Amino acid sequence: MIRIAAQALAYGLSQMSVDDCLGASRADMLIQVVDLFGLGVLAPASDRRDVN
């Protein structure tokens, strides 16, 4: 599940870049998005929402 979510994030950001929705000025924002995803993956189970 995490692998698919990470791939979706990477593909989505790549497509946004190809579509010219992301410029060099948004590099900091992209880093924050990836960091936020990582924090969610590393969050203790008690802090995660149950998706089932």
Protein backbone atom coordinates (compact mmCIF):
# COMPACT_ATOMS: atom_id res chain seq x y z
CA MET A 1 0.00 0.00 0.00
CA ILE A 2 2.80 2.43 0.88
CA ARG A 3 4.67 1.59 -2.32
CA ILE A 4 1.61 2.34 -4.44
CA ALA A 5 0.99 5.60 -2.59
CA ALA A 6 4.62 6.64 -3.08
CA GLN A 7 4.43 5.79 -6.78
CA ALA A 8 1.20 7.77 -7.13
CA LEU A 9 2.84 10.76 -5.45
CA ALA A 10 5.89 10.53 -7.73
CA TYR A 11 3.81 10.05 -10.89
CA GLY A 12 1.46 12.87 -9.93
CA LEU A 13 4.27 15.30 -9.25
CA SER A 14 6.00 14.21 -12.47
CA GLN A 15 2.83 14.80 -14.49
CA MET A 16 2.34 18.19 -12.88
CA SER A 17 5.91 19.05 -13.87
CA VAL A 18 5.34 17.91 -17.47
CA ASP A 19 2.12 19.95 -17.58
CA ASP A 20 4.20 22.96 -16.42
CA CYS A 21 2.20 23.34 -13.21
CA LEU A 22 5.38 23.28 -11.14
CA GLY A 23 8.12 25.78 -11.63
CA ALA A 24 11.55 26.05 -10.06
CA SER A 25 10.06 28.56 -7.61
CA ARG A 26 7.96 25.77 -6.10
CA ALA A 27 10.91 23.47 -5.30
CA ASP A 28 10.55 24.15 -1.56
CA MET A 29 6.88 23.20 -1.71
CA LEU A 30 7.72 19.91 -3.43
CA ILE A 31 10.20 19.07 -0.70
CA GLN A 32 7.53 19.79 1.91
CA VAL A 33 5.03 17.52 0.12
CA VAL A 34 7.49 14.62 0.04
CA ASP A 35 8.46 15.25 3.68
CA LEU A 36 4.80 15.25 4.71
CA PHE A 37 4.28 11.92 2.95
CA GLY A 38 7.31 10.51 4.77
CA LEU A 39 6.02 11.73 8.12
CA GLY A 40 2.73 9.99 7.45
CA VAL A 41 4.50 6.75 6.61
CA LEU A 42 6.64 6.95 9.73
CA ALA A 43 3.81 8.00 12.06
CA PRO A 44 3.05 5.59 14.89
CA ALA A 45 0.07 3.34 14.18
CA SER A 46 -1.92 5.14 16.88
CA ASP A 47 -1.66 8.40 14.88
CA ARG A 48 -2.83 6.90 11.60
CA ARG A 49 -6.38 6.83 10.35
CA ASP A 50 -7.85 3.39 9.84
CA VAL A 51 -8.58 3.09 6.11
CA ASN A 52 -10.26 -0.32 6.35
